[in-house]
Amino acid sequence: MIRSLIISEAFKLLNETTTGTWDNAELYLFARAKERELVKILKGKYSTGYLDNFPLTSELSVSYITDGEAYALPDGYIRTSGVFTNGKKWATEINFKDLDIYGDGGFNDFKPDQDTPIFWFEEQGIGVCPKKVASPLFEYTLVFLKEPDAWDVSPSTAPLLHLDAHQLLVWGIVSAANKDRSELASAKVYEEKFYSGAKALGLNRKFRDYFGKDQK
């Protein structure tokens, strides 16, 4: 569905066929927020249109491994799809709490190298190991899901989200609009439709226990 049709469907469920309690600008904001949430929590196959590449170049001073380094995340970042090197090696994601296994040269059975790099998330950005090298060139590229476009810019085009998830946007908008006007009973009905619909499509592995909280 194009954005204007999604908004129209939301107005119908709000029992408004013309602007009244809510206006288009408000629903556009709710729509973008719910689109962003779906990009964040759904399986990647529903969000391929948001994929973008970002070379890791803005080095930060924070890192928790001697041979590692940290980089700032790009503007508009929602979540990571993967990290690969210029040698086309995909890095393995490591939980931050497990970094002590790799730190300070105390590597156990596995020491990250250019063929087996790792990445993780730390407070200020994304960490990688081993470090980049200028010569011979060794560097990283982040594959990430980016922010949706603002809805008021091109209402006659469809959101990049997979068509199967467009009805969820309608329910999400209605839930957010009702909650904004303290119509909490109606908000709850459509919130449950939104999250049960998302779970039915399939959540990405990090959000299989997601219940609408803003998790990182």
N, C-alpha and C. Protein backbone atom coordinates (compact mmCIF):
# COMPACT_ATOMS: atom_id res chain seq x y z
N MET A 1 0.84 -1.20 0.00
CA MET A 1 0.00 0.00 0.00
C MET A 1 0.88 1.25 0.00
N ILE A 2 0.44 2.27 -0.69
CA ILE A 2 1.16 3.53 -0.61
C ILE A 2 0.84 4.20 0.73
N ARG A 3 1.69 5.13 1.12
CA ARG A 3 1.56 5.73 2.45
C ARG A 3 0.19 6.40 2.65
N SER A 4 -0.29 7.11 1.65
CA SER A 4 -1.56 7.81 1.81
C SER A 4 -2.71 6.82 2.04
N LEU A 5 -2.64 5.64 1.42
CA LEU A 5 -3.68 4.63 1.61
C LEU A 5 -3.59 4.04 3.02
N ILE A 6 -2.40 3.82 3.51
CA ILE A 6 -2.22 3.32 4.88
C ILE A 6 -2.81 4.32 5.87
N ILE A 7 -2.55 5.60 5.65
CA ILE A 7 -3.10 6.64 6.52
C ILE A 7 -4.62 6.66 6.43
N SER A 8 -5.14 6.51 5.22
CA SER A 8 -6.60 6.49 5.02
C SER A 8 -7.23 5.33 5.78
N GLU A 9 -6.61 4.15 5.71
CA GLU A 9 -7.12 2.99 6.43
C GLU A 9 -7.09 3.22 7.93
N ALA A 10 -6.05 3.89 8.41
CA ALA A 10 -5.95 4.20 9.84
C ALA A 10 -7.07 5.16 10.26
N PHE A 11 -7.33 6.17 9.43
CA PHE A 11 -8.42 7.11 9.73
C PHE A 11 -9.76 6.38 9.84
N LYS A 12 -9.98 5.41 8.96
CA LYS A 12 -11.24 4.65 9.01
C LYS A 12 -11.39 3.92 10.34
N LEU A 13 -10.32 3.30 10.81
CA LEU A 13 -10.38 2.58 12.08
C LEU A 13 -10.51 3.53 13.26
N LEU A 14 -10.10 4.77 13.05
CA LEU A 14 -10.26 5.80 14.08
C LEU A 14 -11.63 6.47 13.98
N ASN A 15 -12.46 5.96 13.08
CA ASN A 15 -13.81 6.50 12.85
C ASN A 15 -13.77 7.94 12.36
N GLU A 16 -12.75 8.25 11.55
CA GLU A 16 -12.65 9.57 10.94
C GLU A 16 -12.37 9.39 9.46
N THR A 17 -13.22 9.93 8.63
CA THR A 17 -12.99 9.88 7.18
C THR A 17 -12.37 11.18 6.69
N THR A 18 -12.43 12.23 7.49
CA THR A 18 -11.76 13.49 7.19
C THR A 18 -11.03 13.94 8.44
N THR A 19 -10.14 14.91 8.29
CA THR A 19 -9.36 15.39 9.42
C THR A 19 -10.27 15.94 10.51
N GLY A 20 -10.07 15.47 11.72
CA GLY A 20 -10.88 15.93 12.85
C GLY A 20 -10.05 15.92 14.11
N THR A 21 -10.18 14.84 14.89
CA THR A 21 -9.41 14.71 16.12
C THR A 21 -7.91 14.65 15.82
N TRP A 22 -7.56 13.97 14.74
CA TRP A 22 -6.17 13.86 14.33
C TRP A 22 -6.00 14.47 12.94
N ASP A 23 -4.80 14.95 12.64
CA ASP A 23 -4.54 15.40 11.28
C ASP A 23 -3.47 14.53 10.64
N ASN A 24 -3.27 14.72 9.36
CA ASN A 24 -2.31 13.90 8.62
C ASN A 24 -0.92 13.97 9.22
N ALA A 25 -0.50 15.16 9.61
CA ALA A 25 0.86 15.33 10.13
C ALA A 25 1.11 14.45 11.35
N GLU A 26 0.10 14.37 12.24
CA GLU A 26 0.24 13.52 13.43
C GLU A 26 0.37 12.05 13.05
N LEU A 27 -0.51 11.61 12.15
CA LEU A 27 -0.48 10.20 11.76
C LEU A 27 0.79 9.85 10.99
N TYR A 28 1.32 10.82 10.22
CA TYR A 28 2.59 10.58 9.55
C TYR A 28 3.70 10.28 10.57
N LEU A 29 3.72 11.03 11.65
CA LEU A 29 4.74 10.82 12.68
C LEU A 29 4.57 9.46 13.36
N PHE A 30 3.33 9.11 13.68
CA PHE A 30 3.07 7.79 14.28
C PHE A 30 3.48 6.68 13.32
N ALA A 31 3.18 6.89 12.03
CA ALA A 31 3.48 5.87 11.02
C ALA A 31 4.98 5.63 10.91
N ARG A 32 5.74 6.71 10.88
CA ARG A 32 7.20 6.55 10.75
C ARG A 32 7.78 5.85 11.97
N ALA A 33 7.26 6.18 13.15
CA ALA A 33 7.75 5.54 14.38
C ALA A 33 7.46 4.04 14.36
N LYS A 34 6.26 3.67 13.92
CA LYS A 34 5.90 2.25 13.87
C LYS A 34 6.64 1.52 12.76
N GLU A 35 6.88 2.21 11.65
CA GLU A 35 7.68 1.60 10.58
C GLU A 35 9.09 1.32 11.10
N ARG A 36 9.64 2.28 11.82
CA ARG A 36 10.98 2.10 12.38
C ARG A 36 11.01 0.90 13.32
N GLU A 37 9.98 0.77 14.16
CA GLU A 37 9.92 -0.34 15.10
C GLU A 37 9.87 -1.68 14.37
N LEU A 38 9.11 -1.75 13.30
CA LEU A 38 9.02 -3.00 12.55
C LEU A 38 10.34 -3.34 11.86
N VAL A 39 11.02 -2.34 11.34
CA VAL A 39 12.35 -2.58 10.75
C VAL A 39 13.29 -3.15 11.80
N LYS A 40 13.13 -2.68 13.01
CA LYS A 40 14.01 -3.12 14.10
C LYS A 40 13.73 -4.54 14.55
N ILE A 41 12.47 -4.95 14.60
CA ILE A 41 12.15 -6.22 15.25
C ILE A 41 11.84 -7.37 14.29
N LEU A 42 11.41 -7.08 13.05
CA LEU A 42 11.04 -8.16 12.16
C LEU A 42 12.25 -8.86 11.56
N LYS A 43 12.04 -10.08 11.09
CA LYS A 43 13.09 -10.79 10.37
C LYS A 43 13.57 -9.95 9.19
N GLY A 44 14.84 -10.13 8.86
CA GLY A 44 15.46 -9.30 7.84
C GLY A 44 14.79 -9.33 6.48
N LYS A 45 14.12 -10.43 6.15
CA LYS A 45 13.51 -10.53 4.82
C LYS A 45 12.39 -9.51 4.60
N TYR A 46 11.87 -8.95 5.68
CA TYR A 46 10.82 -7.94 5.56
C TYR A 46 11.39 -6.52 5.42
N SER A 47 12.71 -6.37 5.58
CA SER A 47 13.31 -5.04 5.65
C SER A 47 14.48 -4.85 4.70
N THR A 48 14.54 -5.65 3.65
CA THR A 48 15.70 -5.57 2.76
C THR A 48 15.84 -4.21 2.08
N GLY A 49 14.73 -3.49 1.93
CA GLY A 49 14.78 -2.19 1.29
C GLY A 49 15.50 -1.13 2.10
N TYR A 50 15.76 -1.40 3.36
CA TYR A 50 16.42 -0.43 4.24
C TYR A 50 17.91 -0.69 4.39
N LEU A 51 18.42 -1.74 3.73
CA LEU A 51 19.83 -2.09 3.87
C LEU A 51 20.73 -1.03 3.25
N ASP A 52 21.83 -0.76 3.96
CA ASP A 52 22.80 0.20 3.45
C ASP A 52 24.19 -0.22 3.94
N ASN A 53 25.23 0.20 3.24
CA ASN A 53 26.61 -0.08 3.62
C ASN A 53 27.27 1.17 4.17
N PHE A 54 28.13 1.00 5.17
CA PHE A 54 28.79 2.14 5.81
C PHE A 54 30.22 1.75 6.17
N PRO A 55 31.22 2.31 5.48
CA PRO A 55 32.62 2.03 5.85
C PRO A 55 32.91 2.53 7.26
N LEU A 56 33.53 1.71 8.08
CA LEU A 56 33.86 2.10 9.45
C LEU A 56 35.15 2.92 9.43
N THR A 57 35.00 4.23 9.55
CA THR A 57 36.14 5.14 9.44
C THR A 57 36.29 6.09 10.63
N SER A 58 35.18 6.42 11.31
CA SER A 58 35.23 7.40 12.40
C SER A 58 35.62 6.71 13.70
N GLU A 59 36.93 6.57 13.91
CA GLU A 59 37.41 5.81 15.06
C GLU A 59 37.15 6.55 16.37
N LEU A 60 36.74 5.81 17.40
CA LEU A 60 36.51 6.34 18.74
C LEU A 60 37.67 5.93 19.64
N SER A 61 37.75 6.56 20.78
CA SER A 61 38.85 6.25 21.71
C SER A 61 38.56 5.06 22.60
N VAL A 62 37.31 4.60 22.59
CA VAL A 62 36.91 3.52 23.50
C VAL A 62 37.02 2.18 22.80
N SER A 63 37.69 1.23 23.44
CA SER A 63 37.70 -0.15 22.99
C SER A 63 38.20 -1.00 24.14
N TYR A 64 37.76 -2.26 24.19
CA TYR A 64 38.03 -3.10 25.35
C TYR A 64 38.92 -4.29 25.01
N ILE A 65 39.52 -4.24 23.84
CA ILE A 65 40.48 -5.27 23.45
C ILE A 65 41.72 -4.57 22.93
N THR A 66 42.89 -5.02 23.33
CA THR A 66 44.14 -4.38 22.95
C THR A 66 44.28 -4.29 21.44
N ASP A 67 43.93 -5.33 20.72
CA ASP A 67 44.08 -5.33 19.27
C ASP A 67 42.79 -4.93 18.57
N GLY A 68 41.85 -4.37 19.33
CA GLY A 68 40.59 -3.94 18.74
C GLY A 68 40.47 -2.44 18.69
N GLU A 69 39.41 -1.97 18.04
CA GLU A 69 39.13 -0.55 17.99
C GLU A 69 37.63 -0.36 17.83
N ALA A 70 37.16 0.84 18.12
CA ALA A 70 35.72 1.13 18.08
C ALA A 70 35.44 2.24 17.08
N TYR A 71 34.24 2.20 16.53
CA TYR A 71 33.84 3.17 15.52
C TYR A 71 32.43 3.68 15.80
N ALA A 72 32.21 4.93 15.39
CA ALA A 72 30.88 5.52 15.52
C ALA A 72 29.92 4.86 14.53
N LEU A 73 28.68 4.72 14.96
CA LEU A 73 27.64 4.19 14.08
C LEU A 73 27.12 5.30 13.16
N PRO A 74 26.61 4.97 11.99
CA PRO A 74 26.15 5.99 11.05
C PRO A 74 24.87 6.67 11.52
N ASP A 75 24.65 7.87 11.01
CA ASP A 75 23.37 8.54 11.24
C ASP A 75 22.25 7.69 10.63
N GLY A 76 21.11 7.67 11.29
CA GLY A 76 19.99 6.91 10.77
C GLY A 76 20.07 5.42 11.02
N TYR A 77 21.03 5.00 11.85
CA TYR A 77 21.21 3.58 12.14
C TYR A 77 20.03 3.03 12.96
N ILE A 78 19.53 1.85 12.57
CA ILE A 78 18.52 1.15 13.37
C ILE A 78 19.10 -0.12 13.96
N ARG A 79 19.62 -1.00 13.12
CA ARG A 79 20.26 -2.21 13.63
C ARG A 79 21.21 -2.78 12.60
N THR A 80 22.04 -3.70 13.06
CA THR A 80 23.09 -4.26 12.22
C THR A 80 22.61 -5.51 11.50
N SER A 81 22.98 -5.62 10.24
CA SER A 81 22.78 -6.86 9.50
C SER A 81 24.06 -7.69 9.48
N GLY A 82 25.21 -7.02 9.45
CA GLY A 82 26.48 -7.73 9.46
C GLY A 82 27.65 -6.79 9.30
N VAL A 83 28.86 -7.31 9.43
CA VAL A 83 30.09 -6.55 9.24
C VAL A 83 31.02 -7.43 8.40
N PHE A 84 31.56 -6.85 7.32
CA PHE A 84 32.49 -7.63 6.50
C PHE A 84 33.75 -6.82 6.22
N THR A 85 34.80 -7.51 5.84
CA THR A 85 36.09 -6.88 5.56
C THR A 85 36.27 -6.69 4.07
N ASN A 86 37.29 -5.93 3.70
CA ASN A 86 37.59 -5.76 2.28
C ASN A 86 38.05 -7.07 1.64
N GLY A 87 38.41 -8.03 2.49
CA GLY A 87 38.73 -9.37 2.00
C GLY A 87 37.52 -10.27 1.90
N LYS A 88 36.32 -9.67 2.06
CA LYS A 88 35.04 -10.38 1.96
C LYS A 88 34.88 -11.46 3.03
N LYS A 89 35.43 -11.21 4.21
CA LYS A 89 35.24 -12.09 5.35
C LYS A 89 34.19 -11.46 6.27
N TRP A 90 33.18 -12.24 6.62
CA TRP A 90 32.14 -11.74 7.53
C TRP A 90 32.63 -11.90 8.97
N ALA A 91 32.50 -10.83 9.75
CA ALA A 91 32.91 -10.86 11.16
C ALA A 91 31.84 -11.57 11.98
N THR A 92 32.27 -12.24 13.04
CA THR A 92 31.37 -12.93 13.97
C THR A 92 31.01 -11.98 15.11
N GLU A 93 29.71 -11.86 15.40
CA GLU A 93 29.29 -10.99 16.49
C GLU A 93 29.53 -11.68 17.83
N ILE A 94 30.11 -10.93 18.77
CA ILE A 94 30.41 -11.40 20.11
C ILE A 94 29.65 -10.56 21.11
N ASN A 95 29.07 -11.18 22.12
CA ASN A 95 28.42 -10.42 23.19
C ASN A 95 29.47 -9.63 23.97
N PHE A 96 29.14 -8.41 24.30
CA PHE A 96 30.08 -7.55 25.03
C PHE A 96 30.57 -8.22 26.32
N LYS A 97 29.68 -8.90 27.01
CA LYS A 97 30.05 -9.53 28.29
C LYS A 97 31.05 -10.67 28.11
N ASP A 98 31.23 -11.13 26.88
CA ASP A 98 32.16 -12.23 26.63
C ASP A 98 33.52 -11.75 26.13
N LEU A 99 33.72 -10.43 26.06
CA LEU A 99 34.96 -9.92 25.48
C LEU A 99 36.20 -10.29 26.28
N ASP A 100 36.05 -10.55 27.57
CA ASP A 100 37.23 -10.88 28.37
C ASP A 100 37.90 -12.16 27.88
N ILE A 101 37.16 -12.97 27.14
CA ILE A 101 37.75 -14.19 26.58
C ILE A 101 38.83 -13.84 25.57
N TYR A 102 38.65 -12.66 24.91
CA TYR A 102 39.54 -12.29 23.82
C TYR A 102 40.53 -11.20 24.19
N GLY A 103 40.32 -10.52 25.30
CA GLY A 103 41.08 -9.32 25.61
C GLY A 103 42.47 -9.54 26.15
N ASP A 104 43.29 -8.48 26.04
CA ASP A 104 44.63 -8.40 26.63
C ASP A 104 45.53 -9.57 26.24
N GLY A 105 45.36 -10.06 25.03
CA GLY A 105 46.22 -11.13 24.56
C GLY A 105 45.89 -12.47 25.17
N GLY A 106 44.89 -12.54 26.04
CA GLY A 106 44.57 -13.79 26.70
C GLY A 106 43.60 -14.62 25.90
N PHE A 107 43.86 -14.80 24.62
CA PHE A 107 42.97 -15.55 23.75
C PHE A 107 43.06 -17.03 24.08
N ASN A 108 41.92 -17.67 24.08
CA ASN A 108 41.89 -19.10 24.36
C ASN A 108 42.08 -19.90 23.07
N ASP A 109 41.09 -20.63 22.68
CA ASP A 109 41.22 -21.44 21.47
C ASP A 109 41.06 -20.63 20.19
N PHE A 110 40.57 -19.41 20.31
CA PHE A 110 40.27 -18.62 19.11
C PHE A 110 40.84 -17.22 19.26
N LYS A 111 41.71 -16.85 18.37
CA LYS A 111 42.24 -15.49 18.33
C LYS A 111 41.79 -14.83 17.04
N PRO A 112 41.06 -13.72 17.13
CA PRO A 112 40.59 -13.06 15.91
C PRO A 112 41.77 -12.64 15.03
N ASP A 113 41.64 -12.83 13.73
CA ASP A 113 42.62 -12.34 12.78
C ASP A 113 41.88 -11.89 11.54
N GLN A 114 42.59 -11.54 10.49
CA GLN A 114 41.94 -11.00 9.30
C GLN A 114 41.04 -12.01 8.60
N ASP A 115 41.24 -13.28 8.87
CA ASP A 115 40.36 -14.30 8.29
C ASP A 115 39.19 -14.64 9.20
N THR A 116 39.33 -14.35 10.50
CA THR A 116 38.27 -14.66 11.46
C THR A 116 38.02 -13.46 12.38
N PRO A 117 37.60 -12.32 11.81
CA PRO A 117 37.38 -11.12 12.63
C PRO A 117 36.13 -11.23 13.48
N ILE A 118 36.05 -10.39 14.51
CA ILE A 118 34.87 -10.32 15.36
C ILE A 118 34.41 -8.87 15.49
N PHE A 119 33.14 -8.69 15.88
CA PHE A 119 32.64 -7.36 16.20
C PHE A 119 31.70 -7.45 17.38
N TRP A 120 31.47 -6.33 18.03
CA TRP A 120 30.60 -6.26 19.19
C TRP A 120 30.10 -4.83 19.34
N PHE A 121 29.17 -4.63 20.23
CA PHE A 121 28.66 -3.29 20.50
C PHE A 121 29.13 -2.85 21.87
N GLU A 122 29.72 -1.66 21.92
CA GLU A 122 30.10 -1.08 23.20
C GLU A 122 29.36 0.24 23.36
N GLU A 123 29.60 0.91 24.47
CA GLU A 123 28.75 2.03 24.87
C GLU A 123 28.62 3.10 23.79
N GLN A 124 29.72 3.42 23.12
CA GLN A 124 29.69 4.54 22.19
C GLN A 124 29.59 4.14 20.72
N GLY A 125 29.64 2.86 20.42
CA GLY A 125 29.59 2.49 19.02
C GLY A 125 29.78 1.00 18.81
N ILE A 126 30.47 0.66 17.73
CA ILE A 126 30.70 -0.73 17.37
C ILE A 126 32.21 -1.01 17.43
N GLY A 127 32.57 -2.14 18.04
CA GLY A 127 33.97 -2.53 18.14
C GLY A 127 34.30 -3.64 17.17
N VAL A 128 35.55 -3.67 16.72
CA VAL A 128 36.02 -4.73 15.81
C VAL A 128 37.40 -5.18 16.26
N CYS A 129 37.75 -6.40 15.90
CA CYS A 129 39.07 -6.96 16.16
C CYS A 129 39.35 -7.98 15.07
N PRO A 130 40.52 -7.93 14.43
CA PRO A 130 41.66 -7.06 14.68
C PRO A 130 41.45 -5.65 14.13
N LYS A 131 42.40 -4.76 14.43
CA LYS A 131 42.32 -3.38 13.97
C LYS A 131 42.47 -3.28 12.46
N LYS A 132 42.03 -2.12 11.95
CA LYS A 132 42.26 -1.82 10.55
C LYS A 132 43.76 -1.66 10.29
N VAL A 133 44.16 -1.91 9.07
CA VAL A 133 45.55 -1.73 8.66
C VAL A 133 45.56 -0.94 7.35
N ALA A 134 46.47 0.04 7.27
CA ALA A 134 46.53 0.87 6.06
C ALA A 134 47.22 0.16 4.91
N SER A 135 48.28 -0.61 5.23
CA SER A 135 49.04 -1.30 4.18
C SER A 135 49.65 -2.59 4.72
N PRO A 136 49.36 -3.72 4.12
CA PRO A 136 48.34 -3.87 3.06
C PRO A 136 46.95 -3.62 3.63
N LEU A 137 46.09 -3.05 2.82
CA LEU A 137 44.80 -2.55 3.28
C LEU A 137 43.96 -3.64 3.92
N PHE A 138 43.46 -3.33 5.12
CA PHE A 138 42.49 -4.19 5.80
C PHE A 138 41.51 -3.27 6.51
N GLU A 139 40.23 -3.35 6.13
CA GLU A 139 39.23 -2.44 6.69
C GLU A 139 37.87 -3.14 6.74
N TYR A 140 36.92 -2.45 7.41
CA TYR A 140 35.61 -3.03 7.66
C TYR A 140 34.49 -2.18 7.05
N THR A 141 33.40 -2.86 6.69
CA THR A 141 32.18 -2.19 6.26
C THR A 141 31.01 -2.74 7.07
N LEU A 142 30.21 -1.84 7.60
CA LEU A 142 29.01 -2.22 8.35
C LEU A 142 27.82 -2.28 7.40
N VAL A 143 27.08 -3.37 7.45
CA VAL A 143 25.81 -3.48 6.72
C VAL A 143 24.71 -3.26 7.75
N PHE A 144 23.90 -2.23 7.55
CA PHE A 144 22.93 -1.87 8.57
C PHE A 144 21.58 -1.53 7.95
N LEU A 145 20.57 -1.51 8.81
CA LEU A 145 19.23 -1.10 8.41
C LEU A 145 19.05 0.36 8.82
N LYS A 146 18.61 1.17 7.88
CA LYS A 146 18.55 2.61 8.08
C LYS A 146 17.13 3.08 8.40
N GLU A 147 17.07 4.32 8.88
CA GLU A 147 15.78 4.94 9.22
C GLU A 147 14.86 5.04 8.02
N PRO A 148 13.55 4.86 8.23
CA PRO A 148 12.58 5.09 7.15
C PRO A 148 12.54 6.56 6.76
N ASP A 149 12.09 6.82 5.55
CA ASP A 149 11.88 8.20 5.11
C ASP A 149 10.70 8.81 5.85
N ALA A 150 10.70 10.12 5.94
CA ALA A 150 9.55 10.82 6.50
C ALA A 150 8.33 10.62 5.60
N TRP A 151 7.19 10.40 6.19
CA TRP A 151 5.99 10.06 5.41
C TRP A 151 5.42 11.25 4.67
N ASP A 152 5.63 12.46 5.17
CA ASP A 152 5.03 13.62 4.51
C ASP A 152 5.79 14.02 3.24
N VAL A 153 6.99 13.46 3.03
CA VAL A 153 7.79 13.82 1.86
C VAL A 153 7.23 13.20 0.59
N SER A 154 6.80 11.94 0.68
CA SER A 154 6.28 11.25 -0.52
C SER A 154 5.13 10.33 -0.15
N PRO A 155 3.97 10.90 0.20
CA PRO A 155 2.82 10.09 0.61
C PRO A 155 2.26 9.20 -0.49
N SER A 156 2.60 9.48 -1.74
CA SER A 156 2.06 8.69 -2.85
C SER A 156 2.93 7.47 -3.18
N THR A 157 3.98 7.25 -2.40
CA THR A 157 4.82 6.06 -2.59
C THR A 157 4.65 5.13 -1.39
N ALA A 158 5.01 3.86 -1.59
CA ALA A 158 4.87 2.87 -0.53
C ALA A 158 6.10 2.87 0.36
N PRO A 159 5.93 2.55 1.64
CA PRO A 159 7.10 2.36 2.50
C PRO A 159 7.90 1.16 2.00
N LEU A 160 9.19 1.14 2.33
CA LEU A 160 10.08 0.08 1.86
C LEU A 160 9.82 -1.25 2.56
N LEU A 161 9.06 -1.23 3.61
CA LEU A 161 8.73 -2.44 4.34
C LEU A 161 7.97 -3.41 3.43
N HIS A 162 8.23 -4.70 3.61
CA HIS A 162 7.56 -5.72 2.80
C HIS A 162 6.05 -5.55 2.88
N LEU A 163 5.37 -5.80 1.76
CA LEU A 163 3.92 -5.62 1.68
C LEU A 163 3.17 -6.39 2.77
N ASP A 164 3.69 -7.56 3.15
CA ASP A 164 3.01 -8.37 4.16
C ASP A 164 2.91 -7.65 5.50
N ALA A 165 3.76 -6.64 5.73
CA ALA A 165 3.77 -5.94 7.01
C ALA A 165 3.00 -4.62 6.98
N HIS A 166 2.42 -4.27 5.84
CA HIS A 166 1.76 -2.96 5.75
C HIS A 166 0.52 -2.86 6.64
N GLN A 167 -0.23 -3.95 6.79
CA GLN A 167 -1.39 -3.89 7.67
C GLN A 167 -0.98 -3.64 9.11
N LEU A 168 0.19 -4.13 9.48
CA LEU A 168 0.69 -3.87 10.83
C LEU A 168 0.89 -2.38 11.05
N LEU A 169 1.32 -1.69 10.00
CA LEU A 169 1.48 -0.23 10.12
C LEU A 169 0.15 0.44 10.42
N VAL A 170 -0.91 -0.01 9.77
CA VAL A 170 -2.24 0.56 10.03
C VAL A 170 -2.59 0.39 11.50
N TRP A 171 -2.45 -0.83 12.02
CA TRP A 171 -2.78 -1.09 13.42
C TRP A 171 -1.86 -0.31 14.36
N GLY A 172 -0.61 -0.20 14.01
CA GLY A 172 0.32 0.55 14.86
C GLY A 172 -0.03 2.02 14.93
N ILE A 173 -0.41 2.59 13.80
CA ILE A 173 -0.82 4.00 13.77
C ILE A 173 -2.04 4.22 14.64
N VAL A 174 -3.03 3.34 14.50
CA VAL A 174 -4.27 3.48 15.27
C VAL A 174 -3.98 3.35 16.77
N SER A 175 -3.14 2.40 17.13
CA SER A 175 -2.78 2.24 18.54
C SER A 175 -2.11 3.49 19.09
N ALA A 176 -1.13 4.02 18.34
CA ALA A 176 -0.41 5.20 18.80
C ALA A 176 -1.31 6.43 18.88
N ALA A 177 -2.21 6.57 17.90
CA ALA A 177 -3.12 7.72 17.90
C ALA A 177 -4.08 7.67 19.09
N ASN A 178 -4.64 6.50 19.36
CA ASN A 178 -5.53 6.36 20.51
C ASN A 178 -4.79 6.59 21.82
N LYS A 179 -3.58 6.08 21.91
CA LYS A 179 -2.80 6.28 23.14
C LYS A 179 -2.50 7.76 23.35
N ASP A 180 -2.24 8.48 22.25
CA ASP A 180 -1.95 9.91 22.35
C ASP A 180 -3.13 10.69 22.88
N ARG A 181 -4.34 10.20 22.65
CA ARG A 181 -5.55 10.88 23.13
C ARG A 181 -6.11 10.19 24.37
N SER A 182 -5.29 9.35 25.00
CA SER A 182 -5.67 8.64 26.24
C SER A 182 -6.87 7.72 26.06
N GLU A 183 -7.09 7.25 24.82
CA GLU A 183 -8.10 6.23 24.57
C GLU A 183 -7.43 4.88 24.76
N LEU A 184 -7.16 4.54 26.02
CA LEU A 184 -6.26 3.44 26.30
C LEU A 184 -6.83 2.06 25.97
N ALA A 185 -8.13 1.90 26.12
CA ALA A 185 -8.73 0.60 25.79
C ALA A 185 -8.59 0.30 24.31
N SER A 186 -8.92 1.27 23.47
CA SER A 186 -8.78 1.09 22.02
C SER A 186 -7.31 0.94 21.64
N ALA A 187 -6.46 1.71 22.29
CA ALA A 187 -5.02 1.61 22.01
C ALA A 187 -4.51 0.21 22.27
N LYS A 188 -4.97 -0.39 23.36
CA LYS A 188 -4.51 -1.74 23.72
C LYS A 188 -4.95 -2.78 22.69
N VAL A 189 -6.17 -2.64 22.19
CA VAL A 189 -6.68 -3.59 21.20
C VAL A 189 -5.78 -3.61 19.97
N TYR A 190 -5.44 -2.41 19.46
CA TYR A 190 -4.65 -2.35 18.24
C TYR A 190 -3.16 -2.59 18.50
N GLU A 191 -2.72 -2.30 19.69
CA GLU A 191 -1.35 -2.63 20.05
C GLU A 191 -1.16 -4.15 20.04
N GLU A 192 -2.15 -4.87 20.57
CA GLU A 192 -2.08 -6.34 20.56
C GLU A 192 -2.11 -6.88 19.13
N LYS A 193 -2.91 -6.26 18.26
CA LYS A 193 -2.93 -6.67 16.86
C LYS A 193 -1.56 -6.44 16.22
N PHE A 194 -0.97 -5.30 16.52
CA PHE A 194 0.33 -4.94 15.96
C PHE A 194 1.40 -5.96 16.36
N TYR A 195 1.51 -6.25 17.67
CA TYR A 195 2.58 -7.14 18.12
C TYR A 195 2.31 -8.60 17.80
N SER A 196 1.04 -9.02 17.88
CA SER A 196 0.75 -10.40 17.51
C SER A 196 0.98 -10.61 16.01
N GLY A 197 0.66 -9.59 15.21
CA GLY A 197 0.91 -9.67 13.78
C GLY A 197 2.40 -9.74 13.47
N ALA A 198 3.18 -8.95 14.21
CA ALA A 198 4.64 -8.97 14.02
C ALA A 198 5.21 -10.35 14.38
N LYS A 199 4.75 -10.91 15.47
CA LYS A 199 5.23 -12.24 15.88
C LYS A 199 4.83 -13.30 14.87
N ALA A 200 3.62 -13.15 14.28
CA ALA A 200 3.17 -14.12 13.29
C ALA A 200 4.06 -14.09 12.04
N LEU A 201 4.49 -12.90 11.64
CA LEU A 201 5.39 -12.80 10.50
C LEU A 201 6.76 -13.37 10.84
N GLY A 202 7.21 -13.10 12.06
CA GLY A 202 8.51 -13.61 12.49
C GLY A 202 9.44 -12.50 12.94
N LEU A 203 9.94 -12.62 14.16
CA LEU A 203 10.86 -11.62 14.72
C LEU A 203 12.30 -12.05 14.49
N ASN A 204 13.19 -11.08 14.31
CA ASN A 204 14.60 -11.45 14.21
C ASN A 204 15.07 -11.99 15.55
N ARG A 205 16.16 -12.73 15.54
CA ARG A 205 16.56 -13.52 16.70
C ARG A 205 16.77 -12.71 17.97
N LYS A 206 17.12 -11.44 17.83
CA LYS A 206 17.37 -10.61 19.02
C LYS A 206 16.08 -10.14 19.67
N PHE A 207 14.95 -10.30 18.98
CA PHE A 207 13.70 -9.74 19.48
C PHE A 207 12.59 -10.78 19.58
N ARG A 208 12.97 -12.03 19.74
CA ARG A 208 11.95 -13.07 19.84
C ARG A 208 11.15 -12.98 21.14
N ASP A 209 11.69 -12.28 22.13
CA ASP A 209 10.96 -12.06 23.37
C ASP A 209 10.53 -10.61 23.50
N TYR A 210 10.36 -9.96 22.36
CA TYR A 210 10.04 -8.53 22.34
C TYR A 210 8.56 -8.30 22.64
N PHE A 211 8.30 -7.36 23.55
CA PHE A 211 6.90 -7.07 23.91
C PHE A 211 6.64 -5.58 23.84
N GLY A 212 7.28 -4.91 22.90
CA GLY A 212 6.98 -3.49 22.69
C GLY A 212 7.87 -2.55 23.45
N LYS A 213 8.88 -3.05 24.17
CA LYS A 213 9.78 -2.16 24.89
C LYS A 213 10.87 -1.70 23.95
N ASP A 214 11.40 -0.52 24.19
CA ASP A 214 12.45 0.02 23.35
C ASP A 214 13.78 -0.57 23.74
N GLN A 215 14.07 -1.73 23.17
CA GLN A 215 15.32 -2.42 23.48
C GLN A 215 16.39 -2.03 22.48
N LYS A 216 17.64 -2.14 22.89
CA LYS A 216 18.76 -1.84 22.03
C LYS A 216 19.39 -3.13 21.54
